[in-house]
Amino acid sequence: MAPSRDAPDSGLTWRMLATAVLVALVYAAAVLPAFLAGPVWGAAAAAAAVALAVVSARAADRLALYAMDARLATSDEEPELHAVLDRLCMSSGLPKPRLAVSALDTPNAFAAGSGPGSAVVCVTGGLRSRLEPGELAAVLAHETAHVANRDVLVGAVATFPALCAGLFLGWWTGLLTGRDRHGAGRAAAFAGGIVLLPPGIAAAVLYGVGTLVGLALSRHRELCADATGALLTGRPADLVSALDKISEGLRDASRDDLRALRPVSALCVVGARGGGAAGLLSSHPPLERRRERLSAISWRLASGG
């Protein structure tokens, strides 16, 4: 493959860098109060935040498989899927991830694990029954790209401040409203109807900003995985076709199937949840945008640029 074909999208690269800076600022805002209490407390808070984010990423694969009722499959049980993964890993130079299958009829796939050495790729029965071999290979290439980029670990690190803020906000609100049994006596001090005081306001802002930044980073990384996966197979049109079929399958899915998919929606090749506010609340970019970018890659490959 010509080097020019592998040239990164400068616009997307800059957007990802800007989002990464915002993630760093969110972390800084989260640990700043601890630093104000003293450098030792600040360093401990920063180390704890990073450590807990890493731990959550390392447990993500087991939790995701459990949520999907998926099982690990050997090469004897799923020879065709293993053969596709073997070819992709030979092309990319990655260690081969574990393969898992779910009986869910809704078409989708996801990758989980903190890095190439611990990754698992899961496909649903609905995906295998709806996609042609080339389309299935394109989806697995997309998930392989997520593994190579350590996207699960990056996502966990990015969203961890918002998770902590959300937990604190729930505790603080319960304290002020008297629903927390440990703080019921202290809640009487706020009889004037005040629901949020400065710590709660700070947590609410951190939660909102952290959530939006994490979702923005997720959308950028989905576009990167699309591009890397398309270059890996050399057939971007297969991924476009696969995305269309998966999206159609999600629209036709039963409520129970969608409910089963939602715990891992952010990891999937196509999210099971829509995003309001012009897509700001979505973990995935709009399908049309993904089509346009893949069409541009297809044109570059065809023209040899």
Protein backbone atom coordinates (compact mmCIF):
# COMPACT_ATOMS: atom_id res chain seq x y z
CA MET A 1 0.00 0.00 0.00
CA ALA A 2 1.42 3.36 -1.01
CA PRO A 3 2.39 5.65 1.83
CA SER A 4 0.13 8.37 0.54
CA ARG A 5 -2.84 6.13 1.10
CA ASP A 6 -1.98 5.86 4.75
CA ALA A 7 -1.67 9.62 5.24
CA PRO A 8 -3.83 10.66 8.18
CA ASP A 9 -6.71 13.07 7.82
CA SER A 10 -5.18 16.31 9.17
CA GLY A 11 -8.57 17.78 10.09
CA LEU A 12 -9.55 14.73 12.11
CA THR A 13 -6.11 14.58 13.70
CA TRP A 14 -6.37 18.16 14.91
CA ARG A 15 -9.89 17.61 16.22
CA MET A 16 -8.72 14.57 18.17
CA LEU A 17 -5.78 16.53 19.59
CA ALA A 18 -8.12 19.33 20.65
CA THR A 19 -10.45 16.81 22.26
CA ALA A 20 -7.51 15.19 24.05
CA VAL A 21 -6.58 18.60 25.46
CA LEU A 22 -10.16 18.99 26.71
CA VAL A 23 -9.95 15.57 28.36
CA ALA A 24 -6.77 16.69 30.13
CA LEU A 25 -8.51 19.86 31.30
CA VAL A 26 -11.43 17.82 32.63
CA TYR A 27 -8.99 15.67 34.60
CA ALA A 28 -7.27 18.80 35.89
CA ALA A 29 -10.61 20.20 37.04
CA ALA A 30 -11.40 16.91 38.75
CA VAL A 31 -8.18 16.75 40.78
CA LEU A 32 -7.64 20.49 41.35
CA PRO A 33 -9.55 20.56 44.68
CA ALA A 34 -7.27 17.82 45.97
CA PHE A 35 -4.17 19.80 44.95
CA LEU A 36 -5.54 22.82 46.81
CA ALA A 37 -5.59 20.67 49.93
CA GLY A 38 -1.91 19.89 49.40
CA PRO A 39 0.47 18.42 46.81
CA VAL A 40 0.40 14.98 48.41
CA TRP A 41 -3.40 14.83 48.28
CA GLY A 42 -3.35 16.11 44.70
CA ALA A 43 -0.83 13.54 43.54
CA ALA A 44 -2.79 10.78 45.28
CA ALA A 45 -6.05 11.91 43.63
CA ALA A 46 -4.46 12.03 40.18
CA ALA A 47 -2.86 8.60 40.61
CA ALA A 48 -6.12 7.12 41.89
CA ALA A 49 -8.10 8.53 38.95
CA VAL A 50 -5.73 7.06 36.38
CA ALA A 51 -5.46 3.72 38.21
CA LEU A 52 -9.23 3.33 38.50
CA ALA A 53 -9.67 4.23 34.83
CA VAL A 54 -7.17 1.55 33.83
CA VAL A 55 -8.85 -1.01 36.08
CA SER A 56 -12.24 -0.23 34.56
CA ALA A 57 -10.80 -0.65 31.06
CA ARG A 58 -9.25 -4.00 31.92
CA ALA A 59 -12.56 -5.28 33.23
CA ALA A 60 -14.51 -3.95 30.23
CA ASP A 61 -14.08 -7.10 28.13
CA ARG A 62 -15.51 -9.43 30.78
CA LEU A 63 -18.39 -7.09 31.55
CA ALA A 64 -19.22 -6.62 27.86
CA LEU A 65 -19.26 -10.36 27.16
CA TYR A 66 -21.42 -10.95 30.22
CA ALA A 67 -23.87 -8.25 29.16
CA MET A 68 -24.21 -9.80 25.70
CA ASP A 69 -24.36 -13.37 27.01
CA ALA A 70 -21.48 -14.09 24.63
CA ARG A 71 -19.08 -16.99 24.73
CA LEU A 72 -15.52 -17.40 23.55
CA ALA A 73 -15.29 -19.50 20.38
CA THR A 74 -12.35 -21.64 19.26
CA SER A 75 -11.11 -22.02 15.70
CA ASP A 76 -12.77 -25.44 15.54
CA GLU A 77 -16.14 -23.92 16.46
CA GLU A 78 -15.91 -20.84 14.19
CA PRO A 79 -13.32 -21.58 11.48
CA GLU A 80 -14.53 -18.89 9.04
CA LEU A 81 -14.43 -16.04 11.56
CA HIS A 82 -11.04 -17.15 12.84
CA ALA A 83 -9.70 -17.29 9.28
CA VAL A 84 -10.76 -13.68 8.71
CA LEU A 85 -9.12 -12.56 11.95
CA ASP A 86 -5.96 -14.47 11.04
CA ARG A 87 -5.70 -12.62 7.71
CA LEU A 88 -6.35 -9.23 9.30
CA CYS A 89 -3.78 -9.78 12.03
CA MET A 90 -1.18 -10.93 9.53
CA SER A 91 -1.79 -7.74 7.53
CA SER A 92 -1.70 -5.45 10.55
CA GLY A 93 1.02 -7.20 12.54
CA LEU A 94 -1.22 -7.39 15.61
CA PRO A 95 -1.53 -10.30 18.03
CA LYS A 96 -4.72 -12.17 17.31
CA PRO A 97 -7.58 -11.14 19.63
CA ARG A 98 -9.89 -13.67 21.19
CA LEU A 99 -13.13 -14.30 19.32
CA ALA A 100 -16.54 -14.35 21.00
CA VAL A 101 -20.00 -14.92 19.56
CA SER A 102 -23.41 -13.87 20.81
CA ALA A 103 -26.72 -15.42 19.82
CA LEU A 104 -28.36 -11.98 19.62
CA ASP A 105 -30.28 -11.62 16.35
CA THR A 106 -29.60 -7.88 16.05
CA PRO A 107 -26.57 -7.32 13.77
CA ASN A 108 -23.55 -5.73 15.43
CA ALA A 109 -19.99 -6.29 16.61
CA PHE A 110 -17.66 -4.79 19.16
CA ALA A 111 -14.11 -4.99 20.46
CA ALA A 112 -13.14 -4.78 24.12
CA GLY A 113 -9.93 -5.02 26.09
CA SER A 114 -7.27 -2.53 27.13
CA GLY A 115 -4.84 -3.42 24.36
CA PRO A 116 -3.78 -5.94 21.70
CA GLY A 117 -2.64 -8.49 24.27
CA SER A 118 -6.00 -8.67 26.06
CA ALA A 119 -8.50 -7.87 23.33
CA VAL A 120 -11.65 -9.73 22.37
CA VAL A 121 -13.78 -9.22 19.27
CA CYS A 122 -17.43 -10.24 19.50
CA VAL A 123 -19.95 -10.67 16.70
CA THR A 124 -23.65 -11.37 16.96
CA GLY A 125 -25.54 -14.10 15.15
CA GLY A 126 -27.55 -11.42 13.38
CA LEU A 127 -24.39 -9.90 11.92
CA ARG A 128 -23.20 -13.18 10.46
CA SER A 129 -26.56 -13.99 8.91
CA ARG A 130 -26.99 -10.58 7.22
CA LEU A 131 -23.53 -9.76 5.88
CA GLU A 132 -21.64 -11.06 2.88
CA PRO A 133 -18.08 -12.36 3.54
CA GLY A 134 -16.46 -9.13 2.34
CA GLU A 135 -18.74 -7.03 4.52
CA LEU A 136 -18.06 -9.21 7.55
CA ALA A 137 -14.31 -8.86 6.94
CA ALA A 138 -14.74 -5.06 6.77
CA VAL A 139 -16.50 -4.99 10.15
CA LEU A 140 -13.85 -7.18 11.74
CA ALA A 141 -11.17 -4.89 10.26
CA HIS A 142 -12.92 -1.91 11.89
CA GLU A 143 -12.87 -3.70 15.25
CA THR A 144 -9.24 -4.73 14.74
CA ALA A 145 -8.43 -1.04 14.27
CA HIS A 146 -10.03 -0.29 17.64
CA VAL A 147 -7.80 -2.94 19.20
CA ALA A 148 -4.67 -1.49 17.57
CA ASN A 149 -5.56 2.02 18.76
CA ARG A 150 -6.35 0.88 22.34
CA ASP A 151 -9.66 2.70 22.03
CA VAL A 152 -11.34 0.93 24.95
CA LEU A 153 -8.59 2.06 27.32
CA VAL A 154 -8.59 5.58 25.87
CA GLY A 155 -12.38 5.79 26.21
CA ALA A 156 -12.30 4.61 29.81
CA VAL A 157 -9.64 7.16 30.72
CA ALA A 158 -11.57 9.94 28.94
CA THR A 159 -14.92 9.26 30.58
CA PHE A 160 -13.73 8.43 34.08
CA PRO A 161 -13.94 12.02 35.46
CA ALA A 162 -17.54 12.27 34.29
CA LEU A 163 -18.31 8.93 35.94
CA CYS A 164 -16.85 10.09 39.25
CA ALA A 165 -18.69 13.41 39.00
CA GLY A 166 -21.96 11.60 38.31
CA LEU A 167 -21.52 9.39 41.35
CA PHE A 168 -20.67 12.40 43.52
CA LEU A 169 -23.62 14.35 42.14
CA GLY A 170 -26.00 11.53 43.03
CA TRP A 171 -24.61 11.35 46.56
CA TRP A 172 -24.71 15.14 47.00
CA THR A 173 -28.28 15.43 45.76
CA GLY A 174 -29.34 12.62 48.08
CA LEU A 175 -27.59 14.36 50.95
CA LEU A 176 -29.42 17.65 50.37
CA THR A 177 -32.82 16.08 49.84
CA GLY A 178 -32.51 13.79 52.87
CA ARG A 179 -32.55 10.57 50.80
CA ASP A 180 -29.09 9.63 52.00
CA ARG A 181 -29.63 8.04 55.40
CA HIS A 182 -26.18 9.19 56.52
CA GLY A 183 -26.93 12.81 55.66
CA ALA A 184 -30.61 13.10 56.56
CA GLY A 185 -29.90 15.18 59.63
CA ARG A 186 -27.66 17.58 57.78
CA ALA A 187 -30.21 18.05 55.00
CA ALA A 188 -32.40 20.10 57.35
CA ALA A 189 -29.86 22.91 57.14
CA PHE A 190 -30.98 23.55 53.55
CA ALA A 191 -34.68 24.09 54.26
CA GLY A 192 -34.63 27.18 52.05
CA GLY A 193 -35.12 24.98 48.99
CA ILE A 194 -31.50 25.06 47.79
CA VAL A 195 -30.82 21.87 45.87
CA LEU A 196 -27.24 22.43 44.70
CA LEU A 197 -24.41 24.21 46.51
CA PRO A 198 -20.94 24.92 45.07
CA PRO A 199 -19.61 21.33 45.34
CA GLY A 200 -22.73 20.00 43.66
CA ILE A 201 -22.64 22.68 40.98
CA ALA A 202 -19.00 21.90 40.26
CA ALA A 203 -19.82 18.19 40.00
CA ALA A 204 -22.75 18.90 37.67
CA VAL A 205 -20.57 21.03 35.38
CA LEU A 206 -17.79 18.44 35.42
CA TYR A 207 -20.27 15.68 34.66
CA GLY A 208 -21.79 17.56 31.72
CA VAL A 209 -18.52 18.71 30.21
CA GLY A 210 -16.81 15.37 30.81
CA THR A 211 -19.65 13.47 29.17
CA LEU A 212 -19.66 15.70 26.07
CA VAL A 213 -15.88 15.53 25.72
CA GLY A 214 -15.87 11.75 26.09
CA LEU A 215 -18.58 11.37 23.45
CA ALA A 216 -16.73 13.71 21.07
CA LEU A 217 -13.56 11.64 21.44
CA SER A 218 -15.57 8.47 20.81
CA ARG A 219 -16.97 9.87 17.56
CA HIS A 220 -13.52 10.83 16.34
CA ARG A 221 -12.11 7.40 17.14
CA GLU A 222 -14.94 5.70 15.27
CA LEU A 223 -13.98 7.67 12.17
CA CYS A 224 -10.35 6.65 12.65
CA ALA A 225 -11.35 2.99 12.98
CA ASP A 226 -13.42 3.27 9.80
CA ALA A 227 -10.44 4.66 7.89
CA THR A 228 -7.90 2.19 9.29
CA GLY A 229 -10.22 -0.77 8.73
CA ALA A 230 -10.99 0.32 5.16
CA LEU A 231 -7.29 0.65 4.35
CA LEU A 232 -6.61 -2.73 5.95
CA THR A 233 -9.02 -4.53 3.61
CA GLY A 234 -8.60 -2.15 0.69
CA ARG A 235 -12.38 -2.24 0.16
CA PRO A 236 -14.08 0.76 1.82
CA ALA A 237 -17.31 0.05 -0.09
CA ASP A 238 -17.71 -3.20 1.85
CA LEU A 239 -17.74 -1.29 5.14
CA VAL A 240 -20.26 1.22 3.75
CA SER A 241 -22.55 -1.64 2.76
CA ALA A 242 -22.08 -3.32 6.15
CA LEU A 243 -22.89 -0.12 8.05
CA ASP A 244 -26.08 0.30 6.02
CA LYS A 245 -27.21 -3.27 6.75
CA ILE A 246 -26.40 -2.99 10.45
CA SER A 247 -28.27 0.31 10.72
CA GLU A 248 -31.27 -1.22 8.98
CA GLY A 249 -31.14 -4.20 11.33
CA LEU A 250 -31.11 -1.89 14.34
CA ARG A 251 -34.16 -0.04 13.05
CA ASP A 252 -36.02 -3.33 12.67
CA ALA A 253 -34.82 -4.82 15.97
CA SER A 254 -37.22 -5.67 18.75
CA ARG A 255 -37.24 -3.65 21.94
CA ASP A 256 -35.83 -6.60 23.88
CA ASP A 257 -32.91 -7.01 21.46
CA LEU A 258 -32.10 -3.30 21.62
CA ARG A 259 -32.23 -3.43 25.41
CA ALA A 260 -29.76 -6.31 25.38
CA LEU A 261 -27.40 -4.38 23.11
CA ARG A 262 -27.46 -1.05 24.93
CA PRO A 263 -24.92 -1.88 27.68
CA VAL A 264 -22.23 -2.23 24.98
CA SER A 265 -23.66 0.32 22.54
CA ALA A 266 -20.67 2.66 22.78
CA LEU A 267 -18.34 -0.22 21.84
CA CYS A 268 -20.36 -1.40 18.84
CA VAL A 269 -19.58 -0.68 15.19
CA VAL A 270 -22.98 1.07 15.01
CA GLY A 271 -24.43 2.47 18.22
CA ALA A 272 -27.80 1.23 19.44
CA ARG A 273 -28.68 4.64 20.83
CA GLY A 274 -29.41 7.80 18.92
CA GLY A 275 -27.91 11.12 19.96
CA GLY A 276 -29.90 14.28 20.40
CA ALA A 277 -28.65 17.86 20.34
CA ALA A 278 -27.28 17.60 16.78
CA GLY A 279 -25.43 14.38 17.61
CA LEU A 280 -23.57 15.80 20.62
CA LEU A 281 -25.01 13.04 22.81
CA SER A 282 -24.06 10.22 20.45
CA SER A 283 -21.02 7.99 20.81
CA HIS A 284 -20.95 7.44 17.02
CA PRO A 285 -20.79 9.91 14.12
CA PRO A 286 -23.80 10.16 11.79
CA LEU A 287 -24.00 7.37 9.25
CA GLU A 288 -23.97 9.83 6.36
CA ARG A 289 -20.70 11.32 7.54
CA ARG A 290 -19.15 7.87 7.76
CA ARG A 291 -20.33 7.09 4.23
CA GLU A 292 -18.83 10.30 2.89
CA ARG A 293 -15.44 9.67 4.48
CA LEU A 294 -15.33 6.07 3.30
CA SER A 295 -16.31 7.15 -0.21
CA ALA A 296 -13.41 9.62 -0.17
CA ILE A 297 -11.03 6.82 0.89
CA SER A 298 -12.43 4.60 -1.88
CA TRP A 299 -11.76 7.35 -4.43
CA ARG A 300 -8.19 7.78 -3.15
CA LEU A 301 -7.54 4.06 -3.41
CA ALA A 302 -9.00 3.89 -6.91
CA SER A 303 -6.95 6.87 -8.10
CA GLY A 304 -3.75 5.60 -6.47
CA GLY A 305 -3.44 8.85 -4.47
